C-alpha atoms as a PDB file:
ATOM      1  CA  UNK A   1      -4.499  15.608   6.344  1.00  0.00           C
ATOM      2  CA  UNK A   2      -5.173  13.652   9.534  1.00  0.00           C
ATOM      3  CA  UNK A   3      -2.826  12.408  12.274  1.00  0.00           C
ATOM      4  CA  UNK A   4      -1.147   9.063  11.555  1.00  0.00           C
ATOM      5  CA  UNK A   5      -2.459   5.815  12.962  1.00  0.00           C
ATOM      6  CA  UNK A   6      -0.026   3.256  14.340  1.00  0.00           C
ATOM      7  CA  UNK A   7       2.899   2.865  11.897  1.00  0.00           C
ATOM      8  CA  UNK A   8       0.885   4.246   8.963  1.00  0.00           C
ATOM      9  CA  UNK A   9       1.904   7.881   9.093  1.00  0.00           C
ATOM     10  CA  UNK A  10       0.208   9.368   6.027  1.00  0.00           C
ATOM     11  CA  UNK A  11      -3.517   9.665   6.733  1.00  0.00           C
ATOM     12  CA  UNK A  12      -6.321  11.854   5.447  1.00  0.00           C
ATOM     13  CA  UNK A  13      -9.709  12.904   6.758  1.00  0.00           C
ATOM     14  CA  UNK A  14     -12.329  12.619   4.015  1.00  0.00           C
ATOM     15  CA  UNK A  15     -15.278  13.671   6.167  1.00  0.00           C
ATOM     16  CA  UNK A  16     -17.651  15.847   4.151  1.00  0.00           C
ATOM     17  CA  UNK A  17     -16.346  14.746   0.750  1.00  0.00           C
ATOM     18  CA  UNK A  18     -18.975  13.212  -1.519  1.00  0.00           C
ATOM     19  CA  UNK A  19     -16.505  11.663  -3.952  1.00  0.00           C
ATOM     20  CA  UNK A  20     -12.965  10.442  -3.622  1.00  0.00           C
ATOM     21  CA  UNK A  21     -10.452  10.162  -6.451  1.00  0.00           C
ATOM     22  CA  UNK A  22      -7.580   7.899  -5.503  1.00  0.00           C
ATOM     23  CA  UNK A  23      -4.460   8.465  -7.629  1.00  0.00           C
ATOM     24  CA  UNK A  24      -2.769   5.581  -9.387  1.00  0.00           C
ATOM     25  CA  UNK A  25       0.238   4.253  -7.504  1.00  0.00           C
ATOM     26  CA  UNK A  26       3.047   2.167  -8.997  1.00  0.00           C
ATOM     27  CA  UNK A  27       5.779   0.522  -6.966  1.00  0.00           C
ATOM     28  CA  UNK A  28       9.076   0.373  -8.857  1.00  0.00           C
ATOM     29  CA  UNK A  29      11.644  -2.147  -7.645  1.00  0.00           C
ATOM     30  CA  UNK A  30      15.362  -2.516  -8.291  1.00  0.00           C
ATOM     31  CA  UNK A  31      15.843  -4.424 -11.512  1.00  0.00           C
ATOM     32  CA  UNK A  32      12.939  -2.659 -13.185  1.00  0.00           C
ATOM     33  CA  UNK A  33       9.923  -4.589 -11.895  1.00  0.00           C
ATOM     34  CA  UNK A  34       6.874  -2.342 -11.610  1.00  0.00           C
ATOM     35  CA  UNK A  35       3.668  -3.204  -9.760  1.00  0.00           C
ATOM     36  CA  UNK A  36       0.610  -1.046 -10.374  1.00  0.00           C
ATOM     37  CA  UNK A  37      -1.492  -1.133  -7.229  1.00  0.00           C
ATOM     38  CA  UNK A  38      -5.201  -1.712  -7.436  1.00  0.00           C
ATOM     39  CA  UNK A  39      -7.181   1.214  -6.008  1.00  0.00           C
ATOM     40  CA  UNK A  40      -8.215  -1.053  -3.096  1.00  0.00           C
ATOM     41  CA  UNK A  41      -4.555  -1.308  -2.055  1.00  0.00           C
ATOM     42  CA  UNK A  42      -3.812   2.408  -1.864  1.00  0.00           C
ATOM     43  CA  UNK A  43      -5.915   3.576   1.099  1.00  0.00           C
ATOM     44  CA  UNK A  44      -6.907   1.540   4.144  1.00  0.00           C
ATOM     45  CA  UNK A  45      -9.262   2.256   7.007  1.00  0.00           C
ATOM     46  CA  UNK A  46      -8.023   1.377  10.442  1.00  0.00           C
ATOM     47  CA  UNK A  47      -9.918   1.476  13.707  1.00  0.00           C
ATOM     48  CA  UNK A  48      -9.874   5.254  13.906  1.00  0.00           C
ATOM     49  CA  UNK A  49     -12.335   7.081  16.130  1.00  0.00           C
ATOM     50  CA  UNK A  50     -13.106   9.219  13.090  1.00  0.00           C
ATOM     51  CA  UNK A  51     -15.009   7.267  10.411  1.00  0.00           C
ATOM     52  CA  UNK A  52     -13.766   9.465   7.551  1.00  0.00           C
ATOM     53  CA  UNK A  53     -10.053   8.807   8.135  1.00  0.00           C
ATOM     54  CA  UNK A  54      -8.029   6.564   5.809  1.00  0.00           C
ATOM     55  CA  UNK A  55      -4.270   6.046   5.518  1.00  0.00           C
ATOM     56  CA  UNK A  56      -1.911   5.081   2.743  1.00  0.00           C
ATOM     57  CA  UNK A  57      -1.670   1.291   2.923  1.00  0.00           C
ATOM     58  CA  UNK A  58       2.133   1.260   2.722  1.00  0.00           C
ATOM     59  CA  UNK A  59       4.937   3.109   4.452  1.00  0.00           C
ATOM     60  CA  UNK A  60       8.681   3.575   4.619  1.00  0.00           C
ATOM     61  CA  UNK A  61      10.817   2.536   7.541  1.00  0.00           C
ATOM     62  CA  UNK A  62      11.553   6.180   8.290  1.00  0.00           C
ATOM     63  CA  UNK A  63      15.242   6.128   7.425  1.00  0.00           C
ATOM     64  CA  UNK A  64      17.347   6.352   4.271  1.00  0.00           C
ATOM     65  CA  UNK A  65      17.557   2.598   3.768  1.00  0.00           C
ATOM     66  CA  UNK A  66      15.875   1.249   0.616  1.00  0.00           C
ATOM     67  CA  UNK A  67      13.314  -0.724   2.613  1.00  0.00           C
ATOM     68  CA  UNK A  68       9.580  -0.237   2.923  1.00  0.00           C
ATOM     69  CA  UNK A  69       6.558  -2.074   4.222  1.00  0.00           C
ATOM     70  CA  UNK A  70       4.254  -3.661   1.670  1.00  0.00           C
ATOM     71  CA  UNK A  71       1.452  -5.634   3.254  1.00  0.00           C
ATOM     72  CA  UNK A  72      -1.363  -7.961   2.372  1.00  0.00           C
ATOM     73  CA  UNK A  73      -3.590  -5.001   1.465  1.00  0.00           C
ATOM     74  CA  UNK A  74      -1.575  -4.607  -1.720  1.00  0.00           C
ATOM     75  CA  UNK A  75      -0.731  -8.270  -2.257  1.00  0.00           C
ATOM     76  CA  UNK A  76      -4.332  -9.517  -2.321  1.00  0.00           C
ATOM     77  CA  UNK A  77      -4.855  -8.287  -5.893  1.00  0.00           C
ATOM     78  CA  UNK A  78      -1.838 -10.013  -7.468  1.00  0.00           C
ATOM     79  CA  UNK A  79       0.164 -13.192  -7.001  1.00  0.00           C
ATOM     80  CA  UNK A  80       3.507 -12.949  -5.242  1.00  0.00           C
ATOM     81  CA  UNK A  81       6.200 -15.577  -5.818  1.00  0.00           C
ATOM     82  CA  UNK A  82       9.094 -15.737  -3.368  1.00  0.00           C
ATOM     83  CA  UNK A  83      12.203 -17.321  -4.922  1.00  0.00           C
ATOM     84  CA  UNK A  84      14.324 -17.698  -1.802  1.00  0.00           C
ATOM     85  CA  UNK A  85      17.148 -19.633  -3.479  1.00  0.00           C
ATOM     86  CA  UNK A  86      17.733 -16.935  -6.106  1.00  0.00           C
ATOM     87  CA  UNK A  87      16.798 -14.069  -3.752  1.00  0.00           C
ATOM     88  CA  UNK A  88      14.053 -12.735  -6.029  1.00  0.00           C
ATOM     89  CA  UNK A  89      10.395 -11.836  -5.786  1.00  0.00           C
ATOM     90  CA  UNK A  90       8.000 -12.058  -8.711  1.00  0.00           C
ATOM     91  CA  UNK A  91       4.532 -10.639  -9.288  1.00  0.00           C
ATOM     92  CA  UNK A  92       1.670 -12.052 -11.343  1.00  0.00           C
ATOM     93  CA  UNK A  93      -1.802 -10.986 -12.389  1.00  0.00           C
ATOM     94  CA  UNK A  94      -3.887 -13.309 -10.201  1.00  0.00           C
ATOM     95  CA  UNK A  95      -4.717 -12.361  -6.638  1.00  0.00           C
ATOM     96  CA  UNK A  96      -6.226 -14.166  -3.689  1.00  0.00           C
ATOM     97  CA  UNK A  97      -9.611 -15.747  -4.278  1.00  0.00           C
END
């Protein structure tokens, strides 16, 4: 494990590892919607001084509220539809081109 970077607090140092197996990650939302993240949306490299450090690309807000931060790192591999009127978010199979 490596020290956190910025607001991403779960980081790892992979220096010296020849291969890296990233586990599958699924985000489960209220109402039953499940989004399986692409492997490219699980770990991100930030401007760390150590080249082998990567962090989970999502984080909680640090309290008990049911809110988290899901950024464009995850969203680039699927379509996101924001239905503001009905207060819903939908996910589709197509990502950014």
